[in-house]
């Protein structure tokens, strides 16, 4: 991702912040039930985590009315010196106090197959999104590290076309627009 692409993505994300967000780092077990963790399995694990969390937060309204938490998710690590983990910005619904939401996050992550006990939850701060997009620890670059499968922001109108995950995550034409 070049500087112009990164700037465009950050501009969009800063114009459309996740409301009432908390910053979360989810550390993952690198092996579970004889399976080695990779980015695809971690995305699936995050999907399961979000399903558990949405159920804990919204109850039946999650299934009946499609209520769900807004999410920004980036995966990093997977190199010899850094385990795979995820940085997320999660919307904290107004009806859930911060400490209860933090508990629900921990409970939901610990229910997943690759959920590791090291979980960091803190109020969002300026620069969290920029931090999550740092290129230093992204195995294949920044753009492929964005977990488009689980990212669910306020809107996705910034995309000029639907994301085709089968064509590769770095083939997003919208980010190259002037």
N, C-alpha and C. Protein backbone atom coordinates (compact mmCIF):
# COMPACT_ATOMS: atom_id res chain seq x y z
N UNK A 1 0.86 -1.16 0.00
CA UNK A 1 0.00 0.00 0.00
C UNK A 1 0.90 1.22 0.00
N UNK A 2 0.70 2.08 -0.98
CA UNK A 2 1.53 3.29 -1.02
C UNK A 2 0.92 4.37 -0.13
N UNK A 3 1.62 5.48 -0.01
CA UNK A 3 1.19 6.54 0.90
C UNK A 3 -0.17 7.12 0.51
N UNK A 4 -0.42 7.28 -0.79
CA UNK A 4 -1.70 7.84 -1.24
C UNK A 4 -2.85 6.88 -0.89
N UNK A 5 -2.65 5.61 -1.08
CA UNK A 5 -3.69 4.62 -0.75
C UNK A 5 -3.95 4.62 0.76
N UNK A 6 -2.89 4.63 1.52
CA UNK A 6 -3.02 4.63 2.99
C UNK A 6 -3.76 5.88 3.45
N UNK A 7 -3.39 7.03 2.87
CA UNK A 7 -4.03 8.30 3.23
C UNK A 7 -5.53 8.26 2.89
N UNK A 8 -5.86 7.72 1.71
CA UNK A 8 -7.27 7.65 1.30
C UNK A 8 -8.07 6.77 2.25
N UNK A 9 -7.51 5.64 2.62
CA UNK A 9 -8.18 4.74 3.55
C UNK A 9 -8.35 5.40 4.91
N UNK A 10 -7.31 6.03 5.42
CA UNK A 10 -7.39 6.71 6.71
C UNK A 10 -8.38 7.87 6.69
N UNK A 11 -8.42 8.61 5.59
CA UNK A 11 -9.39 9.71 5.46
C UNK A 11 -10.81 9.17 5.57
N UNK A 12 -11.08 8.08 4.85
CA UNK A 12 -12.41 7.49 4.91
C UNK A 12 -12.74 7.05 6.34
N UNK A 13 -11.84 6.31 6.94
CA UNK A 13 -12.09 5.77 8.28
C UNK A 13 -12.23 6.88 9.32
N UNK A 14 -11.50 7.96 9.16
CA UNK A 14 -11.63 9.08 10.09
C UNK A 14 -12.93 9.87 9.86
N UNK A 15 -13.42 9.88 8.64
CA UNK A 15 -14.70 10.55 8.35
C UNK A 15 -15.89 9.70 8.80
N UNK A 16 -15.70 8.40 8.88
CA UNK A 16 -16.76 7.46 9.23
C UNK A 16 -16.31 6.60 10.41
N UNK A 17 -16.09 7.23 11.55
CA UNK A 17 -15.60 6.44 12.69
C UNK A 17 -16.66 5.49 13.22
N UNK A 18 -16.20 4.45 13.85
CA UNK A 18 -17.12 3.54 14.52
C UNK A 18 -17.57 4.24 15.79
N UNK A 19 -18.87 4.39 15.97
CA UNK A 19 -19.36 5.15 17.12
C UNK A 19 -19.04 4.46 18.45
N UNK A 20 -18.71 5.27 19.46
CA UNK A 20 -18.52 4.77 20.82
C UNK A 20 -17.61 3.54 20.85
N UNK A 21 -16.49 3.62 20.16
CA UNK A 21 -15.67 2.42 19.97
C UNK A 21 -14.70 2.15 21.11
N UNK A 22 -14.32 0.88 21.20
CA UNK A 22 -13.25 0.44 22.08
C UNK A 22 -12.18 -0.21 21.20
N UNK A 23 -10.95 -0.11 21.64
CA UNK A 23 -9.82 -0.71 20.93
C UNK A 23 -9.54 -2.06 21.55
N UNK A 24 -9.43 -3.07 20.71
CA UNK A 24 -9.28 -4.44 21.20
C UNK A 24 -8.13 -5.12 20.45
N UNK A 25 -7.29 -5.80 21.20
CA UNK A 25 -6.29 -6.68 20.60
C UNK A 25 -6.60 -8.09 21.07
N UNK A 26 -6.83 -8.97 20.12
CA UNK A 26 -7.15 -10.38 20.41
C UNK A 26 -5.95 -11.23 20.02
N UNK A 27 -5.36 -11.87 20.99
CA UNK A 27 -4.24 -12.76 20.73
C UNK A 27 -4.81 -14.17 20.50
N UNK A 28 -4.21 -14.88 19.58
CA UNK A 28 -4.73 -16.19 19.20
C UNK A 28 -3.74 -17.30 19.52
N UNK A 29 -4.30 -18.46 19.86
CA UNK A 29 -3.48 -19.67 19.99
C UNK A 29 -2.99 -19.99 18.58
N UNK A 30 -1.75 -20.39 18.47
CA UNK A 30 -1.19 -20.68 17.15
C UNK A 30 -1.53 -22.09 16.68
N UNK A 31 -1.92 -22.95 17.63
CA UNK A 31 -2.37 -24.31 17.32
C UNK A 31 -3.57 -24.62 18.21
N UNK A 32 -4.54 -25.33 17.66
CA UNK A 32 -5.68 -25.82 18.45
C UNK A 32 -6.22 -27.07 17.77
N UNK A 33 -6.45 -28.08 18.56
CA UNK A 33 -6.99 -29.35 18.04
C UNK A 33 -6.19 -29.87 16.84
N UNK A 34 -4.88 -29.73 16.91
CA UNK A 34 -4.01 -30.23 15.84
C UNK A 34 -3.97 -29.36 14.60
N UNK A 35 -4.63 -28.22 14.61
CA UNK A 35 -4.64 -27.32 13.45
C UNK A 35 -3.73 -26.14 13.71
N UNK A 36 -2.96 -25.77 12.69
CA UNK A 36 -2.11 -24.59 12.78
C UNK A 36 -2.91 -23.37 12.32
N UNK A 37 -2.80 -22.31 13.07
CA UNK A 37 -3.52 -21.08 12.75
C UNK A 37 -2.89 -20.39 11.54
N UNK A 38 -3.73 -19.92 10.62
CA UNK A 38 -3.30 -19.07 9.52
C UNK A 38 -4.30 -17.92 9.44
N UNK A 39 -4.11 -17.00 8.52
CA UNK A 39 -4.98 -15.83 8.45
C UNK A 39 -6.44 -16.22 8.19
N UNK A 40 -6.65 -17.18 7.32
CA UNK A 40 -8.01 -17.61 7.00
C UNK A 40 -8.71 -18.20 8.24
N UNK A 41 -8.01 -19.03 8.98
CA UNK A 41 -8.60 -19.61 10.20
C UNK A 41 -8.83 -18.53 11.26
N UNK A 42 -7.92 -17.55 11.33
CA UNK A 42 -8.12 -16.47 12.30
C UNK A 42 -9.33 -15.64 11.93
N UNK A 43 -9.53 -15.36 10.65
CA UNK A 43 -10.73 -14.63 10.22
C UNK A 43 -11.99 -15.41 10.59
N UNK A 44 -11.98 -16.70 10.40
CA UNK A 44 -13.12 -17.54 10.76
C UNK A 44 -13.34 -17.51 12.27
N UNK A 45 -12.26 -17.51 13.03
CA UNK A 45 -12.35 -17.46 14.49
C UNK A 45 -12.93 -16.12 14.94
N UNK A 46 -12.52 -15.04 14.28
CA UNK A 46 -13.06 -13.71 14.61
C UNK A 46 -14.54 -13.65 14.26
N UNK A 47 -14.91 -14.26 13.15
CA UNK A 47 -16.33 -14.31 12.76
C UNK A 47 -17.16 -14.99 13.85
N UNK A 48 -16.65 -16.09 14.35
CA UNK A 48 -17.34 -16.83 15.43
C UNK A 48 -17.39 -15.98 16.71
N UNK A 49 -16.28 -15.32 17.03
CA UNK A 49 -16.23 -14.42 18.18
C UNK A 49 -17.30 -13.34 18.07
N UNK A 50 -17.41 -12.72 16.89
CA UNK A 50 -18.40 -11.65 16.71
C UNK A 50 -19.83 -12.18 16.83
N UNK A 51 -20.04 -13.40 16.38
CA UNK A 51 -21.36 -14.01 16.52
C UNK A 51 -21.69 -14.20 18.00
N UNK A 52 -20.74 -14.72 18.77
CA UNK A 52 -20.94 -14.87 20.22
C UNK A 52 -21.17 -13.52 20.88
N UNK A 53 -20.35 -12.53 20.52
CA UNK A 53 -20.44 -11.21 21.14
C UNK A 53 -21.76 -10.53 20.81
N UNK A 54 -22.16 -10.58 19.56
CA UNK A 54 -23.44 -9.98 19.17
C UNK A 54 -24.61 -10.61 19.91
N UNK A 55 -24.55 -11.92 20.08
CA UNK A 55 -25.58 -12.62 20.82
C UNK A 55 -25.61 -12.18 22.28
N UNK A 56 -24.41 -12.03 22.89
CA UNK A 56 -24.33 -11.60 24.29
C UNK A 56 -24.84 -10.17 24.46
N UNK A 57 -24.58 -9.31 23.49
CA UNK A 57 -24.93 -7.90 23.60
C UNK A 57 -26.39 -7.64 23.21
N UNK A 58 -26.84 -8.25 22.12
CA UNK A 58 -28.17 -7.94 21.59
C UNK A 58 -29.21 -9.03 21.80
N UNK A 59 -28.80 -10.19 22.29
CA UNK A 59 -29.75 -11.28 22.51
C UNK A 59 -30.42 -11.69 21.22
N UNK A 60 -31.73 -11.94 21.29
CA UNK A 60 -32.49 -12.38 20.12
C UNK A 60 -32.56 -11.33 19.02
N UNK A 61 -32.40 -10.07 19.37
CA UNK A 61 -32.46 -9.00 18.36
C UNK A 61 -31.35 -9.16 17.32
N UNK A 62 -30.28 -9.82 17.70
CA UNK A 62 -29.21 -10.08 16.74
C UNK A 62 -29.72 -10.95 15.59
N UNK A 63 -30.41 -12.02 15.93
CA UNK A 63 -30.95 -12.91 14.89
C UNK A 63 -32.23 -12.37 14.27
N UNK A 64 -33.13 -11.85 15.09
CA UNK A 64 -34.44 -11.43 14.58
C UNK A 64 -34.38 -10.16 13.75
N UNK A 65 -33.55 -9.19 14.17
CA UNK A 65 -33.55 -7.89 13.51
C UNK A 65 -32.20 -7.51 12.90
N UNK A 66 -31.25 -8.43 12.96
CA UNK A 66 -29.94 -8.16 12.37
C UNK A 66 -29.10 -7.13 13.12
N UNK A 67 -29.40 -6.91 14.40
CA UNK A 67 -28.61 -5.96 15.19
C UNK A 67 -27.20 -6.53 15.35
N UNK A 68 -26.21 -5.67 15.13
CA UNK A 68 -24.84 -6.13 15.31
C UNK A 68 -23.92 -4.94 15.57
N UNK A 69 -22.80 -5.28 16.16
CA UNK A 69 -21.77 -4.32 16.51
C UNK A 69 -21.00 -3.95 15.24
N UNK A 70 -20.68 -2.67 15.11
CA UNK A 70 -19.82 -2.23 14.00
C UNK A 70 -18.37 -2.61 14.33
N UNK A 71 -17.62 -3.00 13.31
CA UNK A 71 -16.29 -3.58 13.51
C UNK A 71 -15.31 -3.09 12.45
N UNK A 72 -14.09 -2.81 12.87
CA UNK A 72 -12.94 -2.63 11.98
C UNK A 72 -11.92 -3.66 12.44
N UNK A 73 -11.47 -4.53 11.55
CA UNK A 73 -10.60 -5.63 11.95
C UNK A 73 -9.38 -5.73 11.03
N UNK A 74 -8.21 -5.83 11.67
CA UNK A 74 -6.94 -5.98 10.95
C UNK A 74 -6.16 -7.10 11.62
N UNK A 75 -5.58 -7.96 10.80
CA UNK A 75 -4.80 -9.10 11.31
C UNK A 75 -3.32 -8.82 11.07
N UNK A 76 -2.52 -9.14 12.07
CA UNK A 76 -1.09 -8.99 11.87
C UNK A 76 -0.34 -10.11 12.56
N UNK A 77 0.94 -10.19 12.24
CA UNK A 77 1.78 -11.24 12.80
C UNK A 77 1.91 -12.39 11.81
N UNK A 78 2.18 -13.55 12.36
CA UNK A 78 2.35 -14.72 11.51
C UNK A 78 3.78 -14.91 11.04
N UNK A 79 4.67 -14.08 11.56
CA UNK A 79 6.08 -14.24 11.25
C UNK A 79 6.71 -15.05 12.37
N UNK A 80 7.95 -15.42 12.22
CA UNK A 80 8.62 -16.24 13.23
C UNK A 80 8.66 -15.60 14.60
N UNK A 81 8.74 -14.28 14.64
CA UNK A 81 8.88 -13.60 15.93
C UNK A 81 7.59 -12.97 16.45
N UNK A 82 6.48 -13.14 15.76
CA UNK A 82 5.23 -12.54 16.22
C UNK A 82 4.05 -13.46 15.90
N UNK A 83 3.31 -13.82 16.93
CA UNK A 83 2.14 -14.69 16.72
C UNK A 83 1.03 -13.91 16.03
N UNK A 84 0.21 -14.64 15.29
CA UNK A 84 -0.95 -14.02 14.65
C UNK A 84 -1.87 -13.46 15.72
N UNK A 85 -2.37 -12.26 15.49
CA UNK A 85 -3.32 -11.63 16.39
C UNK A 85 -4.12 -10.61 15.59
N UNK A 86 -5.13 -10.04 16.22
CA UNK A 86 -5.99 -9.09 15.51
C UNK A 86 -6.18 -7.82 16.33
N UNK A 87 -6.24 -6.71 15.61
CA UNK A 87 -6.58 -5.42 16.21
C UNK A 87 -7.98 -5.08 15.70
N UNK A 88 -8.87 -4.74 16.61
CA UNK A 88 -10.23 -4.40 16.23
C UNK A 88 -10.65 -3.09 16.88
N UNK A 89 -11.49 -2.37 16.19
CA UNK A 89 -12.24 -1.27 16.79
C UNK A 89 -13.67 -1.80 16.83
N UNK A 90 -14.25 -1.88 18.01
CA UNK A 90 -15.60 -2.41 18.19
C UNK A 90 -16.52 -1.33 18.74
N UNK A 91 -17.70 -1.25 18.18
CA UNK A 91 -18.71 -0.33 18.69
C UNK A 91 -19.25 -0.86 20.02
N UNK A 92 -19.21 -0.02 21.04
CA UNK A 92 -19.82 -0.39 22.32
C UNK A 92 -21.21 0.22 22.35
N UNK A 93 -22.25 -0.61 22.34
CA UNK A 93 -23.61 -0.07 22.39
C UNK A 93 -23.81 0.75 23.65
N UNK A 94 -24.58 1.81 23.54
CA UNK A 94 -24.81 2.74 24.66
C UNK A 94 -25.38 2.03 25.89
N UNK A 95 -26.19 1.00 25.69
CA UNK A 95 -26.84 0.34 26.82
C UNK A 95 -25.91 -0.59 27.60
N UNK A 96 -24.69 -0.78 27.12
CA UNK A 96 -23.76 -1.69 27.79
C UNK A 96 -22.62 -0.87 28.39
N UNK A 97 -22.47 -0.87 29.72
CA UNK A 97 -21.35 -0.15 30.33
C UNK A 97 -20.01 -0.73 29.86
N UNK A 98 -19.00 0.12 29.87
CA UNK A 98 -17.68 -0.27 29.38
C UNK A 98 -17.16 -1.55 30.04
N UNK A 99 -17.22 -1.63 31.37
CA UNK A 99 -16.66 -2.80 32.05
C UNK A 99 -17.43 -4.07 31.69
N UNK A 100 -18.75 -3.97 31.49
CA UNK A 100 -19.55 -5.15 31.09
C UNK A 100 -19.21 -5.56 29.66
N UNK A 101 -19.03 -4.56 28.79
CA UNK A 101 -18.68 -4.85 27.40
C UNK A 101 -17.32 -5.54 27.35
N UNK A 102 -16.39 -5.07 28.15
CA UNK A 102 -15.07 -5.68 28.22
C UNK A 102 -15.18 -7.15 28.66
N UNK A 103 -16.01 -7.42 29.64
CA UNK A 103 -16.24 -8.80 30.09
C UNK A 103 -16.83 -9.66 28.97
N UNK A 104 -17.80 -9.10 28.27
CA UNK A 104 -18.46 -9.84 27.18
C UNK A 104 -17.45 -10.16 26.06
N UNK A 105 -16.56 -9.21 25.77
CA UNK A 105 -15.52 -9.44 24.77
C UNK A 105 -14.63 -10.61 25.19
N UNK A 106 -14.19 -10.58 26.44
CA UNK A 106 -13.31 -11.63 26.94
C UNK A 106 -14.02 -12.99 26.94
N UNK A 107 -15.26 -13.02 27.39
CA UNK A 107 -16.03 -14.27 27.40
C UNK A 107 -16.21 -14.83 25.99
N UNK A 108 -16.57 -13.96 25.06
CA UNK A 108 -16.82 -14.41 23.68
C UNK A 108 -15.52 -14.92 23.04
N UNK A 109 -14.41 -14.22 23.23
CA UNK A 109 -13.13 -14.65 22.62
C UNK A 109 -12.68 -15.99 23.21
N UNK A 110 -12.86 -16.14 24.51
CA UNK A 110 -12.44 -17.38 25.16
C UNK A 110 -13.29 -18.59 24.77
N UNK A 111 -14.45 -18.36 24.19
CA UNK A 111 -15.30 -19.46 23.71
C UNK A 111 -14.85 -19.98 22.35
N UNK A 112 -14.00 -19.23 21.67
CA UNK A 112 -13.60 -19.64 20.32
C UNK A 112 -12.46 -20.65 20.36
N UNK A 113 -12.31 -21.35 19.26
CA UNK A 113 -11.30 -22.40 19.15
C UNK A 113 -9.88 -21.88 19.33
N UNK A 114 -9.55 -20.75 18.71
CA UNK A 114 -8.20 -20.22 18.77
C UNK A 114 -8.05 -19.06 19.75
N UNK A 115 -9.07 -18.78 20.54
CA UNK A 115 -9.00 -17.69 21.49
C UNK A 115 -7.94 -17.92 22.55
N UNK A 116 -7.03 -16.99 22.70
CA UNK A 116 -5.96 -17.04 23.69
C UNK A 116 -6.32 -16.13 24.86
N UNK A 117 -5.81 -16.41 26.02
CA UNK A 117 -6.19 -15.66 27.23
C UNK A 117 -5.71 -14.20 27.22
N UNK A 118 -4.73 -13.86 26.39
CA UNK A 118 -4.24 -12.48 26.35
C UNK A 118 -5.15 -11.64 25.46
N UNK A 119 -5.90 -10.77 26.10
CA UNK A 119 -6.87 -9.91 25.42
C UNK A 119 -6.69 -8.51 25.98
N UNK A 120 -6.57 -7.54 25.12
CA UNK A 120 -6.42 -6.16 25.57
C UNK A 120 -7.63 -5.37 25.10
N UNK A 121 -8.33 -4.76 26.04
CA UNK A 121 -9.50 -3.93 25.74
C UNK A 121 -9.29 -2.59 26.42
N UNK A 122 -9.43 -1.52 25.66
CA UNK A 122 -9.29 -0.18 26.24
C UNK A 122 -10.14 0.80 25.44
N UNK A 123 -10.49 1.91 26.05
CA UNK A 123 -11.25 2.92 25.29
C UNK A 123 -10.43 3.33 24.06
N UNK A 124 -11.12 3.57 22.96
CA UNK A 124 -10.40 3.99 21.75
C UNK A 124 -9.73 5.32 21.98
N UNK A 125 -8.63 5.50 21.29
CA UNK A 125 -7.87 6.74 21.41
C UNK A 125 -7.48 7.19 20.02
N UNK A 126 -7.22 8.48 19.87
CA UNK A 126 -6.79 8.97 18.56
C UNK A 126 -5.53 8.21 18.12
N UNK A 127 -5.54 7.75 16.92
CA UNK A 127 -4.37 7.03 16.41
C UNK A 127 -4.51 5.51 16.42
N UNK A 128 -5.60 4.98 16.99
CA UNK A 128 -5.76 3.52 17.04
C UNK A 128 -5.83 2.92 15.64
N UNK A 129 -6.61 3.52 14.76
CA UNK A 129 -6.74 2.99 13.40
C UNK A 129 -5.38 3.06 12.69
N UNK A 130 -4.68 4.19 12.84
CA UNK A 130 -3.36 4.32 12.24
C UNK A 130 -2.42 3.23 12.77
N UNK A 131 -2.49 2.99 14.08
CA UNK A 131 -1.66 1.94 14.68
C UNK A 131 -1.99 0.58 14.07
N UNK A 132 -3.28 0.29 13.92
CA UNK A 132 -3.68 -1.01 13.39
C UNK A 132 -3.24 -1.19 11.93
N UNK A 133 -3.01 -0.09 11.23
CA UNK A 133 -2.60 -0.16 9.83
C UNK A 133 -1.08 -0.06 9.63
N UNK A 134 -0.32 -0.11 10.71
CA UNK A 134 1.14 -0.03 10.56
C UNK A 134 1.61 -1.20 9.70
N UNK A 135 2.59 -0.94 8.87
CA UNK A 135 3.03 -2.00 7.95
C UNK A 135 4.12 -2.89 8.54
N UNK A 136 4.72 -2.47 9.63
CA UNK A 136 5.85 -3.18 10.21
C UNK A 136 5.61 -4.68 10.43
N UNK A 137 4.46 -5.03 10.96
CA UNK A 137 4.21 -6.43 11.33
C UNK A 137 3.16 -7.12 10.46
N UNK A 138 2.96 -6.62 9.26
CA UNK A 138 2.02 -7.24 8.34
C UNK A 138 2.80 -8.12 7.38
N UNK A 139 2.57 -9.42 7.47
CA UNK A 139 3.34 -10.41 6.71
C UNK A 139 3.31 -10.14 5.21
N UNK A 140 2.13 -9.86 4.66
CA UNK A 140 1.97 -9.66 3.22
C UNK A 140 1.59 -8.24 2.84
N UNK A 141 1.82 -7.29 3.72
CA UNK A 141 1.47 -5.90 3.45
C UNK A 141 0.18 -5.52 4.16
N UNK A 142 -0.12 -4.23 4.12
CA UNK A 142 -1.26 -3.69 4.86
C UNK A 142 -2.61 -4.10 4.27
N UNK A 143 -2.78 -3.92 2.98
CA UNK A 143 -4.09 -4.18 2.38
C UNK A 143 -4.57 -5.62 2.57
N UNK A 144 -3.73 -6.62 2.35
CA UNK A 144 -4.19 -7.99 2.59
C UNK A 144 -4.45 -8.29 4.07
N UNK A 145 -3.90 -7.48 4.97
CA UNK A 145 -4.09 -7.72 6.40
C UNK A 145 -5.44 -7.23 6.90
N UNK A 146 -6.09 -6.36 6.14
CA UNK A 146 -7.41 -5.88 6.55
C UNK A 146 -8.38 -7.05 6.43
N UNK A 147 -9.07 -7.32 7.52
CA UNK A 147 -10.00 -8.45 7.60
C UNK A 147 -11.36 -8.01 7.05
N UNK A 148 -11.46 -8.00 5.72
CA UNK A 148 -12.69 -7.54 5.07
C UNK A 148 -13.87 -8.46 5.38
N UNK A 149 -13.59 -9.72 5.69
CA UNK A 149 -14.64 -10.66 6.01
C UNK A 149 -15.45 -10.20 7.21
N UNK A 150 -14.77 -9.64 8.20
CA UNK A 150 -15.43 -9.28 9.45
C UNK A 150 -15.59 -7.78 9.66
N UNK A 151 -14.94 -6.97 8.83
CA UNK A 151 -15.10 -5.52 8.95
C UNK A 151 -16.52 -5.15 8.56
N UNK A 152 -17.17 -4.46 9.45
CA UNK A 152 -18.55 -4.03 9.24
C UNK A 152 -18.67 -2.63 9.82
N UNK A 153 -18.36 -1.63 9.00
CA UNK A 153 -18.39 -0.25 9.46
C UNK A 153 -19.77 0.35 9.22
N UNK A 154 -19.92 1.61 9.54
CA UNK A 154 -21.22 2.28 9.42
C UNK A 154 -21.78 2.13 8.02
N UNK A 155 -20.93 2.25 7.04
CA UNK A 155 -21.35 2.05 5.66
C UNK A 155 -20.16 1.56 4.85
N UNK A 156 -20.44 1.01 3.71
CA UNK A 156 -19.36 0.57 2.83
C UNK A 156 -19.46 1.26 1.48
N UNK A 157 -20.03 2.45 1.47
CA UNK A 157 -20.24 3.14 0.21
C UNK A 157 -18.94 3.62 -0.41
N UNK A 158 -17.83 3.57 0.32
CA UNK A 158 -16.56 4.00 -0.23
C UNK A 158 -16.03 3.00 -1.24
N UNK A 159 -16.62 1.83 -1.32
CA UNK A 159 -16.17 0.84 -2.29
C UNK A 159 -16.81 1.12 -3.65
N UNK A 160 -16.00 1.17 -4.69
CA UNK A 160 -16.54 1.40 -6.01
C UNK A 160 -17.15 0.12 -6.58
N UNK A 161 -16.79 -1.00 -6.00
CA UNK A 161 -17.33 -2.28 -6.42
C UNK A 161 -17.27 -3.23 -5.23
N UNK A 162 -18.10 -4.26 -5.23
CA UNK A 162 -18.04 -5.21 -4.13
C UNK A 162 -16.66 -5.86 -4.04
N UNK A 163 -16.25 -6.19 -2.85
CA UNK A 163 -14.97 -6.84 -2.65
C UNK A 163 -15.13 -8.31 -3.00
N UNK A 164 -14.32 -8.80 -3.93
CA UNK A 164 -14.32 -10.20 -4.29
C UNK A 164 -13.12 -10.85 -3.61
N UNK A 165 -13.37 -11.50 -2.48
CA UNK A 165 -12.28 -12.07 -1.71
C UNK A 165 -11.59 -13.21 -2.47
N UNK A 166 -12.27 -13.81 -3.42
CA UNK A 166 -11.65 -14.89 -4.19
C UNK A 166 -10.61 -14.35 -5.17
N UNK A 167 -10.73 -13.08 -5.56
CA UNK A 167 -9.80 -12.48 -6.50
C UNK A 167 -8.56 -11.91 -5.82
N UNK A 168 -8.53 -11.96 -4.51
CA UNK A 168 -7.38 -11.43 -3.79
C UNK A 168 -7.70 -10.10 -3.18
N UNK A 169 -7.25 -9.91 -1.99
CA UNK A 169 -7.61 -8.72 -1.24
C UNK A 169 -6.90 -7.47 -1.69
N UNK A 170 -5.82 -7.63 -2.44
CA UNK A 170 -5.08 -6.43 -2.84
C UNK A 170 -5.53 -5.92 -4.20
N UNK A 171 -6.66 -6.40 -4.71
CA UNK A 171 -7.15 -5.97 -6.00
C UNK A 171 -8.32 -4.99 -5.85
N UNK A 172 -8.25 -4.14 -4.85
CA UNK A 172 -9.33 -3.20 -4.59
C UNK A 172 -9.09 -1.92 -5.36
N UNK A 173 -9.85 -1.71 -6.42
CA UNK A 173 -9.65 -0.54 -7.28
C UNK A 173 -10.00 0.77 -6.60
N UNK A 174 -10.93 0.75 -5.66
CA UNK A 174 -11.38 1.99 -5.03
C UNK A 174 -10.25 2.75 -4.36
N UNK A 175 -9.29 2.05 -3.86
CA UNK A 175 -8.24 2.70 -3.10
C UNK A 175 -7.26 3.46 -4.00
N UNK A 176 -7.28 3.15 -5.29
CA UNK A 176 -6.40 3.82 -6.23
C UNK A 176 -7.03 5.04 -6.87
N UNK A 177 -8.31 5.27 -6.59
CA UNK A 177 -9.01 6.41 -7.17
C UNK A 177 -8.37 7.71 -6.70
N UNK A 178 -8.40 8.74 -7.55
CA UNK A 178 -7.80 10.02 -7.14
C UNK A 178 -8.53 10.69 -6.00
